[in-house]
């Protein structure tokens, strides 16, 4: 553990994944960390009202699993011991991208199959056990506290809740640092405006996603013995589907649609919808597996990015992170991984002291967000119904990635390069590297690509090691 100067106290707004990750980072430099959440937090792994997406399928990308392990050493082993399967993303998943089926080979790209409630439960227990960390449940933050003319946030006003009504008067929790990890419904724009600060510029991409998740009993014959299946939406068919193995011998299946396409929630309707997808394995699971839960529908209107790094004036003692900073299209599964990378960034920055922390954090977080934002937004702009500026670069990249998918049907090196970018291990530009582009060209010319390099030769050549999207 790094040697750091400890300060007094911090408050984190929100005890979901983003808030728990923030508390973990702050616990190394702050003697007291108070995490405040509106919900009464469950003692077991269970969904809760304040995390409405909690019953939906969640994905922790390969880079996210690594980041969680950096923050919580041994977490991979702990979750595996609880029955969460580890999944080789290139060997144990049926990938269908733009209709092309990726060639499967063993790889070092390993992710978890785990439900959101179980992951949050385990991480919450880890955070609650940290010295000086206190979880305050059933309490709503109503506003920020700031000394007049100081330019600094000094705490939060909170009000205990009983159901949906206030049950007690407000009180103040004082803090040297307040972190808003309150999710997509962040109140930071309102609270900052109340203190006289201009709102951050906001980028919004309306995608009109509707998705339905249901859990099923996993049998050995499902998916041909593999642990996952995926097919993406295309402009010709704006429907997608995922099957992912989870703990307790279950599959989570999600069916999604864009721009008005809405998956049904009845058995026959879900089976018909799944049958329209490119991956036949998804329809087979929906048709034949024993359902263990009712289907749960959720709508996601738009991806939203708040550009706090562009503000000229921002109070000291305050940060915004995770979904409160940028909320991604959930189809790409980027949110938890980005939140973990932001927590690692916060931990690194705190080693250098609190001076100018907001400016340093927002600039660093913007660099983390840039890659996944460009992946999700650029891909969404393939759809004519998604409003946004389609630059020549966006059009070229989308056409090029289609060629990547075509080449990956036979070339596992190209498939690995795509999965490394998708899992936020490599920067998107890595797909344009000569080692990848030449292999795609050989495929277009109908020539076989060279044999895949051995892992040690690949590392020596620098293949697949370019950037993780996080600043050093």
Protein backbone atom coordinates (compact mmCIF):
# COMPACT_ATOMS: atom_id res chain seq x y z
CA UNK A 1 0.00 0.00 0.00
CA UNK A 2 1.22 3.47 -0.84
CA UNK A 3 2.35 5.71 1.98
CA UNK A 4 -0.01 8.69 2.09
CA UNK A 5 -0.67 11.65 4.34
CA UNK A 6 -4.01 11.14 6.10
CA UNK A 7 -6.46 14.01 6.34
CA UNK A 8 -9.66 14.29 8.30
CA UNK A 9 -12.92 13.29 6.69
CA UNK A 10 -14.75 12.62 3.43
CA UNK A 11 -18.37 12.04 2.45
CA UNK A 12 -19.46 9.90 -0.49
CA UNK A 13 -22.98 10.35 -1.89
CA UNK A 14 -24.28 6.95 -2.98
CA UNK A 15 -23.48 3.42 -1.80
CA UNK A 16 -23.78 1.77 -5.17
CA UNK A 17 -20.71 0.43 -7.01
CA UNK A 18 -19.34 3.88 -7.88
CA UNK A 19 -19.69 5.17 -4.32
CA UNK A 20 -18.15 2.04 -2.82
CA UNK A 21 -15.17 2.31 -5.16
CA UNK A 22 -14.75 5.97 -4.23
CA UNK A 23 -14.87 5.12 -0.52
CA UNK A 24 -12.18 2.48 -1.04
CA UNK A 25 -9.90 5.03 -2.67
CA UNK A 26 -10.57 7.66 0.01
CA UNK A 27 -10.02 5.25 2.90
CA UNK A 28 -6.26 5.37 2.37
CA UNK A 29 -6.00 9.13 2.89
CA UNK A 30 -8.97 10.10 5.06
CA UNK A 31 -9.36 9.09 8.68
CA UNK A 32 -13.16 9.04 8.35
CA UNK A 33 -15.20 8.23 5.25
CA UNK A 34 -19.00 8.42 5.46
CA UNK A 35 -21.02 6.83 2.66
CA UNK A 36 -24.62 8.09 2.53
CA UNK A 37 -27.39 6.30 0.62
CA UNK A 38 -31.15 6.80 0.38
CA UNK A 39 -31.87 3.07 0.61
CA UNK A 40 -31.89 0.77 3.58
CA UNK A 41 -29.01 -1.45 2.46
CA UNK A 42 -29.80 -5.18 2.36
CA UNK A 43 -27.80 -7.55 4.54
CA UNK A 44 -27.78 -10.17 1.79
CA UNK A 45 -27.18 -10.06 -1.95
CA UNK A 46 -30.45 -8.53 -3.11
CA UNK A 47 -31.66 -5.89 -5.54
CA UNK A 48 -32.85 -2.58 -4.10
CA UNK A 49 -34.97 0.35 -5.15
CA UNK A 50 -32.11 2.84 -5.45
CA UNK A 51 -30.42 0.66 -8.07
CA UNK A 52 -33.29 0.05 -10.51
CA UNK A 53 -30.88 -1.49 -13.01
CA UNK A 54 -29.68 -3.98 -10.39
CA UNK A 55 -31.89 -6.78 -11.69
CA UNK A 56 -30.57 -6.34 -15.20
CA UNK A 57 -27.59 -8.20 -16.62
CA UNK A 58 -24.31 -6.52 -15.70
CA UNK A 59 -20.89 -7.12 -17.19
CA UNK A 60 -17.56 -6.47 -15.51
CA UNK A 61 -15.06 -6.21 -18.36
CA UNK A 62 -11.65 -7.85 -18.18
CA UNK A 63 -9.95 -4.53 -17.35
CA UNK A 64 -12.64 -3.88 -14.76
CA UNK A 65 -11.91 -7.18 -13.04
CA UNK A 66 -8.23 -6.24 -12.89
CA UNK A 67 -9.07 -2.80 -11.47
CA UNK A 68 -11.38 -4.27 -8.83
CA UNK A 69 -8.58 -6.64 -7.82
CA UNK A 70 -6.18 -3.67 -7.49
CA UNK A 71 -8.62 -1.97 -5.14
CA UNK A 72 -9.73 -5.14 -3.33
CA UNK A 73 -6.89 -7.68 -3.40
CA UNK A 74 -8.10 -11.26 -3.66
CA UNK A 75 -11.58 -10.29 -4.89
CA UNK A 76 -11.35 -12.58 -7.92
CA UNK A 77 -10.59 -15.58 -5.72
CA UNK A 78 -13.32 -14.63 -3.25
CA UNK A 79 -16.01 -14.36 -5.90
CA UNK A 80 -14.87 -17.53 -7.64
CA UNK A 81 -15.15 -19.37 -4.31
CA UNK A 82 -18.76 -18.11 -4.11
CA UNK A 83 -19.56 -19.74 -7.44
CA UNK A 84 -19.12 -16.81 -9.83
CA UNK A 85 -17.68 -18.35 -13.01
CA UNK A 86 -14.55 -16.97 -14.61
CA UNK A 87 -15.06 -16.70 -18.35
CA UNK A 88 -12.39 -16.74 -21.06
CA UNK A 89 -13.97 -14.12 -23.29
CA UNK A 90 -12.43 -15.39 -26.52
CA UNK A 91 -12.78 -19.14 -25.96
CA UNK A 92 -15.96 -19.55 -23.91
CA UNK A 93 -18.31 -17.06 -25.59
CA UNK A 94 -20.18 -17.27 -28.91
CA UNK A 95 -19.51 -13.83 -30.43
CA UNK A 96 -21.60 -12.61 -33.37
CA UNK A 97 -20.62 -9.08 -34.41
CA UNK A 98 -22.39 -7.57 -37.43
CA UNK A 99 -23.44 -11.11 -38.28
CA UNK A 100 -19.88 -12.46 -38.28
CA UNK A 101 -19.06 -15.28 -35.87
CA UNK A 102 -15.71 -14.80 -34.16
CA UNK A 103 -13.27 -17.67 -34.14
CA UNK A 104 -12.81 -19.04 -30.62
CA UNK A 105 -9.37 -19.69 -29.14
CA UNK A 106 -7.98 -19.67 -25.56
CA UNK A 107 -6.97 -16.22 -24.34
CA UNK A 108 -5.89 -14.33 -21.21
CA UNK A 109 -9.02 -12.15 -21.39
CA UNK A 110 -10.94 -13.27 -18.32
CA UNK A 111 -14.14 -11.70 -16.96
CA UNK A 112 -16.62 -12.58 -14.25
CA UNK A 113 -20.09 -13.95 -14.69
CA UNK A 114 -21.81 -12.40 -11.68
CA UNK A 115 -25.08 -10.71 -10.80
CA UNK A 116 -25.04 -7.06 -9.82
CA UNK A 117 -26.55 -7.72 -6.35
CA UNK A 118 -23.85 -10.27 -5.46
CA UNK A 119 -20.99 -8.08 -6.68
CA UNK A 120 -22.34 -5.06 -4.82
CA UNK A 121 -22.92 -7.12 -1.68
CA UNK A 122 -19.34 -8.45 -1.60
CA UNK A 123 -17.78 -5.08 -2.38
CA UNK A 124 -19.99 -3.34 0.21
CA UNK A 125 -18.85 -5.83 2.86
CA UNK A 126 -15.23 -5.17 1.95
CA UNK A 127 -15.73 -1.40 2.19
CA UNK A 128 -17.68 -1.59 5.44
CA UNK A 129 -14.81 -3.50 7.01
CA UNK A 130 -12.26 -0.77 6.21
CA UNK A 131 -11.04 1.27 9.21
CA UNK A 132 -12.83 4.60 9.49
CA UNK A 133 -15.51 3.86 6.89
CA UNK A 134 -19.14 4.27 7.96
CA UNK A 135 -22.17 3.43 5.81
CA UNK A 136 -25.20 5.59 6.58
CA UNK A 137 -28.31 4.01 5.07
CA UNK A 138 -31.81 5.42 4.64
CA UNK A 139 -30.53 8.98 4.50
CA UNK A 140 -30.96 11.50 1.69
CA UNK A 141 -28.50 14.27 0.80
CA UNK A 142 -30.55 17.43 0.21
CA UNK A 143 -27.83 19.99 -0.58
CA UNK A 144 -24.19 20.92 -0.26
CA UNK A 145 -22.75 23.03 2.55
CA UNK A 146 -20.24 25.76 1.76
CA UNK A 147 -18.78 28.61 3.78
CA UNK A 148 -19.85 31.93 2.19
CA UNK A 149 -17.16 33.33 -0.10
CA UNK A 150 -14.77 30.45 0.55
CA UNK A 151 -15.09 28.66 -2.77
CA UNK A 152 -15.08 25.38 -0.90
CA UNK A 153 -17.66 22.70 -0.15
CA UNK A 154 -17.46 21.81 3.53
CA UNK A 155 -20.09 19.10 3.86
CA UNK A 156 -23.62 17.98 3.03
CA UNK A 157 -27.08 18.41 4.49
CA UNK A 158 -28.85 15.12 5.05
CA UNK A 159 -32.33 14.05 6.02
CA UNK A 160 -33.29 10.57 7.26
CA UNK A 161 -35.98 8.85 5.24
CA UNK A 162 -38.86 6.55 6.16
CA UNK A 163 -40.24 5.10 2.97
CA UNK A 164 -40.86 8.03 0.65
CA UNK A 165 -41.36 10.75 3.26
CA UNK A 166 -38.94 12.70 5.40
CA UNK A 167 -39.08 11.53 9.00
CA UNK A 168 -36.69 13.93 10.73
CA UNK A 169 -35.13 17.34 10.47
CA UNK A 170 -32.02 17.97 8.40
CA UNK A 171 -28.55 17.76 9.85
CA UNK A 172 -25.07 18.50 8.51
CA UNK A 173 -22.15 16.14 7.95
CA UNK A 174 -18.95 18.15 7.71
CA UNK A 175 -16.15 16.93 5.46
CA UNK A 176 -12.88 17.99 3.85
CA UNK A 177 -13.97 16.31 0.62
CA UNK A 178 -17.40 15.39 -0.77
CA UNK A 179 -17.71 12.97 -3.71
CA UNK A 180 -20.95 12.67 -5.66
CA UNK A 181 -21.32 9.08 -6.86
CA UNK A 182 -25.10 9.30 -6.91
CA UNK A 183 -25.53 7.85 -10.39
CA UNK A 184 -27.40 9.04 -13.46
CA UNK A 185 -29.82 11.00 -11.29
CA UNK A 186 -27.01 13.11 -9.83
CA UNK A 187 -28.17 16.34 -8.21
CA UNK A 188 -24.78 18.00 -8.63
CA UNK A 189 -25.91 20.34 -11.45
CA UNK A 190 -28.67 21.71 -9.18
CA UNK A 191 -26.56 21.86 -6.02
CA UNK A 192 -23.68 23.63 -7.75
CA UNK A 193 -26.05 26.15 -9.31
CA UNK A 194 -27.45 26.87 -5.84
CA UNK A 195 -23.89 27.79 -4.79
CA UNK A 196 -23.51 30.13 -7.77
CA UNK A 197 -21.53 27.90 -10.15
CA UNK A 198 -22.25 27.59 -13.85
CA UNK A 199 -23.47 24.20 -15.05
CA UNK A 200 -21.09 21.90 -16.88
CA UNK A 201 -21.59 21.43 -20.60
CA UNK A 202 -23.50 18.24 -21.28
CA UNK A 203 -23.26 15.87 -24.22
CA UNK A 204 -26.24 13.64 -24.82
CA UNK A 205 -26.79 10.86 -27.35
CA UNK A 206 -30.35 9.57 -27.45
CA UNK A 207 -30.40 5.83 -28.13
CA UNK A 208 -33.82 4.76 -26.88
CA UNK A 209 -32.66 1.44 -25.48
CA UNK A 210 -35.21 -0.95 -24.01
CA UNK A 211 -33.90 -4.15 -22.49
CA UNK A 212 -35.37 -7.13 -20.71
CA UNK A 213 -33.42 -9.46 -18.42
CA UNK A 214 -34.43 -12.86 -17.11
CA UNK A 215 -32.50 -15.57 -15.29
CA UNK A 216 -32.63 -19.25 -16.27
CA UNK A 217 -31.26 -22.51 -14.94
CA UNK A 218 -28.00 -23.35 -16.68
CA UNK A 219 -27.64 -26.91 -17.94
CA UNK A 220 -24.41 -28.48 -19.30
CA UNK A 221 -25.77 -28.72 -22.85
CA UNK A 222 -26.73 -25.07 -23.13
CA UNK A 223 -24.55 -22.99 -25.46
CA UNK A 224 -22.71 -26.17 -26.38
CA UNK A 225 -21.08 -26.12 -22.96
CA UNK A 226 -19.82 -22.53 -23.26
CA UNK A 227 -20.52 -19.75 -20.80
CA UNK A 228 -21.81 -16.89 -22.91
CA UNK A 229 -23.25 -15.69 -26.21
CA UNK A 230 -23.51 -12.22 -27.73
CA UNK A 231 -24.96 -10.62 -30.82
CA UNK A 232 -25.00 -6.89 -31.49
CA UNK A 233 -27.64 -4.63 -32.96
CA UNK A 234 -27.16 -3.36 -36.50
CA UNK A 235 -28.91 -0.65 -38.51
CA UNK A 236 -30.67 -3.43 -40.45
CA UNK A 237 -31.79 -5.18 -37.24
CA UNK A 238 -31.67 -2.88 -34.17
CA UNK A 239 -31.98 -5.81 -31.77
CA UNK A 240 -29.32 -7.44 -29.60
CA UNK A 241 -28.99 -10.24 -27.11
CA UNK A 242 -26.61 -11.59 -24.49
CA UNK A 243 -26.43 -14.78 -22.47
CA UNK A 244 -23.97 -14.79 -19.55
CA UNK A 245 -23.29 -17.48 -16.97
CA UNK A 246 -23.64 -16.31 -13.38
CA UNK A 247 -23.35 -17.70 -9.87
CA UNK A 248 -25.53 -20.56 -8.60
CA UNK A 249 -25.66 -22.36 -11.93
CA UNK A 250 -27.71 -19.71 -13.71
CA UNK A 251 -27.75 -17.83 -16.98
CA UNK A 252 -28.80 -14.20 -17.27
CA UNK A 253 -30.36 -13.48 -20.65
CA UNK A 254 -30.90 -9.95 -21.89
CA UNK A 255 -32.82 -9.00 -25.02
CA UNK A 256 -32.57 -5.40 -26.11
CA UNK A 257 -33.82 -3.06 -28.80
CA UNK A 258 -32.97 0.44 -29.98
CA UNK A 259 -35.01 3.35 -31.26
CA UNK A 260 -38.47 1.93 -30.61
CA UNK A 261 -37.66 -1.79 -30.77
CA UNK A 262 -38.98 -3.24 -27.50
CA UNK A 263 -38.50 -6.86 -26.43
CA UNK A 264 -41.67 -8.48 -25.08
CA UNK A 265 -41.86 -9.99 -21.60
CA UNK A 266 -44.10 -13.01 -22.21
CA UNK A 267 -42.59 -16.45 -22.85
CA UNK A 268 -43.71 -16.82 -26.45
CA UNK A 269 -42.89 -13.23 -27.32
CA UNK A 270 -39.38 -13.48 -25.88
CA UNK A 271 -38.77 -16.73 -27.79
CA UNK A 272 -39.93 -15.14 -31.07
CA UNK A 273 -37.80 -12.04 -30.45
CA UNK A 274 -34.72 -14.13 -29.63
CA UNK A 275 -35.25 -16.19 -32.79
CA UNK A 276 -34.71 -13.05 -34.90
CA UNK A 277 -31.19 -12.58 -33.52
CA UNK A 278 -28.08 -13.71 -35.36
CA UNK A 279 -26.86 -15.93 -32.50
CA UNK A 280 -29.08 -19.05 -32.50
CA UNK A 281 -27.71 -20.07 -29.08
CA UNK A 282 -29.63 -17.24 -27.41
CA UNK A 283 -32.95 -18.39 -28.80
CA UNK A 284 -32.15 -21.97 -27.76
CA UNK A 285 -31.64 -20.90 -24.13
CA UNK A 286 -34.82 -18.79 -24.07
CA UNK A 287 -36.81 -21.62 -25.66
CA UNK A 288 -35.53 -24.57 -23.62
CA UNK A 289 -34.07 -23.39 -20.29
CA UNK A 290 -36.10 -23.32 -17.09
CA UNK A 291 -36.84 -19.69 -16.09
CA UNK A 292 -35.95 -18.76 -12.51
CA UNK A 293 -37.24 -15.19 -12.43
CA UNK A 294 -39.83 -12.99 -14.03
CA UNK A 295 -38.62 -10.86 -16.95
CA UNK A 296 -37.63 -7.34 -15.89
CA UNK A 297 -37.84 -4.48 -18.38
CA UNK A 298 -35.89 -1.25 -18.24
CA UNK A 299 -35.59 1.75 -20.53
CA UNK A 300 -32.48 3.82 -21.08
CA UNK A 301 -33.20 6.96 -23.11
CA UNK A 302 -29.77 8.51 -23.61
CA UNK A 303 -26.06 8.37 -22.88
CA UNK A 304 -24.99 11.49 -20.98
CA UNK A 305 -21.53 12.97 -20.41
CA UNK A 306 -21.03 16.00 -18.19
CA UNK A 307 -17.92 18.01 -19.04
CA UNK A 308 -16.78 19.21 -15.64
CA UNK A 309 -13.20 19.32 -16.91
CA UNK A 310 -14.14 22.30 -19.10
CA UNK A 311 -15.38 24.50 -16.26
CA UNK A 312 -13.21 27.49 -15.39
CA UNK A 313 -14.65 27.72 -11.89
CA UNK A 314 -15.43 24.82 -9.57
CA UNK A 315 -15.46 24.59 -5.76
CA UNK A 316 -12.65 22.98 -3.82
CA UNK A 317 -13.55 19.97 -1.72
CA UNK A 318 -15.98 18.49 -4.25
CA UNK A 319 -15.82 15.82 -6.97
CA UNK A 320 -18.26 14.04 -9.26
CA UNK A 321 -17.53 10.52 -10.53
CA UNK A 322 -18.88 7.28 -12.03
CA UNK A 323 -22.36 7.52 -13.63
CA UNK A 324 -22.86 10.99 -12.18
CA UNK A 325 -19.99 12.08 -14.44
CA UNK A 326 -20.74 9.93 -17.49
CA UNK A 327 -23.55 7.45 -18.07
CA UNK A 328 -22.85 5.01 -20.92
CA UNK A 329 -25.19 3.03 -23.13
CA UNK A 330 -25.54 -0.11 -20.95
CA UNK A 331 -25.32 -2.47 -23.93
CA UNK A 332 -21.54 -2.04 -23.95
CA UNK A 333 -21.08 -2.89 -20.27
CA UNK A 334 -18.56 -0.11 -19.62
CA UNK A 335 -19.93 1.65 -16.53
CA UNK A 336 -18.46 -0.38 -13.66
CA UNK A 337 -15.07 -0.69 -15.34
CA UNK A 338 -14.84 3.06 -15.91
CA UNK A 339 -15.87 3.72 -12.30
CA UNK A 340 -13.09 1.42 -11.06
CA UNK A 341 -10.52 3.18 -13.26
CA UNK A 342 -11.69 6.54 -11.89
CA UNK A 343 -11.28 5.21 -8.34
CA UNK A 344 -7.71 4.15 -9.14
CA UNK A 345 -7.10 7.62 -10.59
CA UNK A 346 -8.48 9.27 -7.44
CA UNK A 347 -6.24 7.13 -5.26
CA UNK A 348 -3.18 8.08 -7.31
CA UNK A 349 -4.00 11.80 -7.27
CA UNK A 350 -4.51 11.85 -3.52
CA UNK A 351 -0.91 10.72 -3.06
CA UNK A 352 0.06 14.18 -4.38
CA UNK A 353 -2.21 16.07 -2.00
CA UNK A 354 -5.56 17.80 -2.29
CA UNK A 355 -4.44 21.04 -3.97
CA UNK A 356 -6.25 21.45 -7.27
CA UNK A 357 -7.77 18.01 -6.87
CA UNK A 358 -10.96 18.71 -8.83
CA UNK A 359 -9.08 20.08 -11.83
CA UNK A 360 -6.64 17.17 -11.82
CA UNK A 361 -9.34 14.56 -11.31
CA UNK A 362 -11.74 15.82 -13.97
CA UNK A 363 -8.96 16.07 -16.54
CA UNK A 364 -7.73 12.59 -15.73
CA UNK A 365 -11.26 11.16 -15.71
CA UNK A 366 -11.92 12.76 -19.10
CA UNK A 367 -8.98 10.82 -20.52
CA UNK A 368 -10.36 7.61 -19.01
CA UNK A 369 -13.83 8.30 -20.42
CA UNK A 370 -12.69 9.33 -23.91
CA UNK A 371 -12.05 5.79 -25.19
CA UNK A 372 -15.24 4.05 -23.99
CA UNK A 373 -17.30 7.11 -24.93
CA UNK A 374 -15.89 7.07 -28.47
CA UNK A 375 -16.58 3.32 -28.72
CA UNK A 376 -20.20 3.51 -27.59
CA UNK A 377 -21.17 6.79 -29.25
CA UNK A 378 -19.32 6.03 -32.47
CA UNK A 379 -21.04 2.65 -32.72
CA UNK A 380 -24.46 4.13 -31.91
CA UNK A 381 -24.03 6.69 -34.70
CA UNK A 382 -24.21 3.84 -37.21
CA UNK A 383 -27.96 3.97 -36.66
CA UNK A 384 -29.68 6.64 -38.80
CA UNK A 385 -32.19 7.33 -36.01
CA UNK A 386 -29.48 8.35 -33.53
CA UNK A 387 -28.86 12.08 -33.69
CA UNK A 388 -25.25 13.22 -33.71
CA UNK A 389 -22.39 14.48 -35.83
CA UNK A 390 -21.09 11.80 -38.16
CA UNK A 391 -17.61 12.95 -39.01
CA UNK A 392 -15.51 11.33 -41.71
CA UNK A 393 -13.54 9.68 -38.90
CA UNK A 394 -16.67 8.14 -37.37
CA UNK A 395 -17.80 6.81 -40.76
CA UNK A 396 -14.36 5.39 -41.52
CA UNK A 397 -13.97 3.73 -38.13
CA UNK A 398 -17.40 2.08 -38.32
CA UNK A 399 -16.64 0.72 -41.80
CA UNK A 400 -13.23 -0.44 -40.63
CA UNK A 401 -14.59 -2.20 -37.54
CA UNK A 402 -17.01 -4.09 -39.78
CA UNK A 403 -13.94 -5.40 -41.62
CA UNK A 404 -12.41 -6.27 -38.24
CA UNK A 405 -15.43 -8.45 -37.48
CA UNK A 406 -15.21 -10.14 -40.88
CA UNK A 407 -11.51 -10.91 -40.41
CA UNK A 408 -12.09 -12.22 -36.87
CA UNK A 409 -14.16 -15.11 -38.25
CA UNK A 410 -10.90 -16.83 -39.19
CA UNK A 411 -8.10 -14.81 -37.61
CA UNK A 412 -7.91 -15.05 -33.78
CA UNK A 413 -5.29 -12.30 -33.60
CA UNK A 414 -7.77 -9.81 -35.03
CA UNK A 415 -10.47 -11.14 -32.72
CA UNK A 416 -8.18 -10.70 -29.71
CA UNK A 417 -7.35 -7.15 -30.78
CA UNK A 418 -11.05 -6.27 -30.94
CA UNK A 419 -11.81 -7.86 -27.57
CA UNK A 420 -8.90 -6.05 -25.92
CA UNK A 421 -10.31 -2.72 -27.11
CA UNK A 422 -13.86 -3.69 -26.12
CA UNK A 423 -12.60 -4.62 -22.65
CA UNK A 424 -10.79 -1.26 -22.26
CA UNK A 425 -7.35 -2.87 -22.07
CA UNK A 426 -6.12 -1.27 -25.30
CA UNK A 427 -7.01 2.09 -26.80
CA UNK A 428 -9.30 2.02 -29.87
CA UNK A 429 -6.41 3.20 -32.06
CA UNK A 430 -4.81 -0.18 -31.44
CA UNK A 431 -7.11 -1.68 -34.07
CA UNK A 432 -5.37 0.52 -36.65
CA UNK A 433 -1.90 -0.76 -35.77
CA UNK A 434 -0.03 -2.29 -38.74
CA UNK A 435 0.03 -5.70 -37.03
CA UNK A 436 -3.79 -5.71 -37.13
CA UNK A 437 -4.48 -3.72 -40.30
CA UNK A 438 -2.25 -5.95 -42.44
CA UNK A 439 -4.06 -9.05 -41.27
CA UNK A 440 -7.38 -7.46 -42.21
CA UNK A 441 -5.98 -6.57 -45.63
CA UNK A 442 -4.84 -10.15 -46.18
CA UNK A 443 -8.38 -11.26 -45.42
CA UNK A 444 -9.85 -8.78 -47.92
CA UNK A 445 -7.46 -10.10 -50.57
CA UNK A 446 -8.49 -13.66 -49.83
CA UNK A 447 -5.03 -14.58 -48.56
CA UNK A 448 -4.46 -16.47 -45.29
CA UNK A 449 -3.04 -14.36 -42.49
CA UNK A 450 0.30 -15.40 -40.95
CA UNK A 451 0.17 -17.83 -38.07
CA UNK A 452 -0.82 -16.24 -34.78
CA UNK A 453 2.26 -15.29 -32.74
CA UNK A 454 2.98 -17.08 -29.48
CA UNK A 455 2.08 -14.95 -26.44
CA UNK A 456 5.73 -14.32 -25.57
CA UNK A 457 6.53 -13.28 -29.14
CA UNK A 458 3.46 -11.04 -29.18
CA UNK A 459 4.58 -9.26 -26.02
CA UNK A 460 8.11 -8.85 -27.35
CA UNK A 461 6.70 -7.21 -30.47
CA UNK A 462 4.47 -4.93 -28.41
CA UNK A 463 1.25 -6.36 -29.83
CA UNK A 464 -1.79 -5.72 -27.66
CA UNK A 465 0.03 -3.69 -25.02
CA UNK A 466 -0.96 -0.22 -26.13
CA UNK A 467 -2.64 1.82 -23.42
CA UNK A 468 -5.52 1.11 -21.08
CA UNK A 469 -7.28 4.41 -21.37
CA UNK A 470 -6.15 5.53 -17.90
CA UNK A 471 -3.56 8.23 -17.28
CA UNK A 472 -0.42 7.35 -15.39
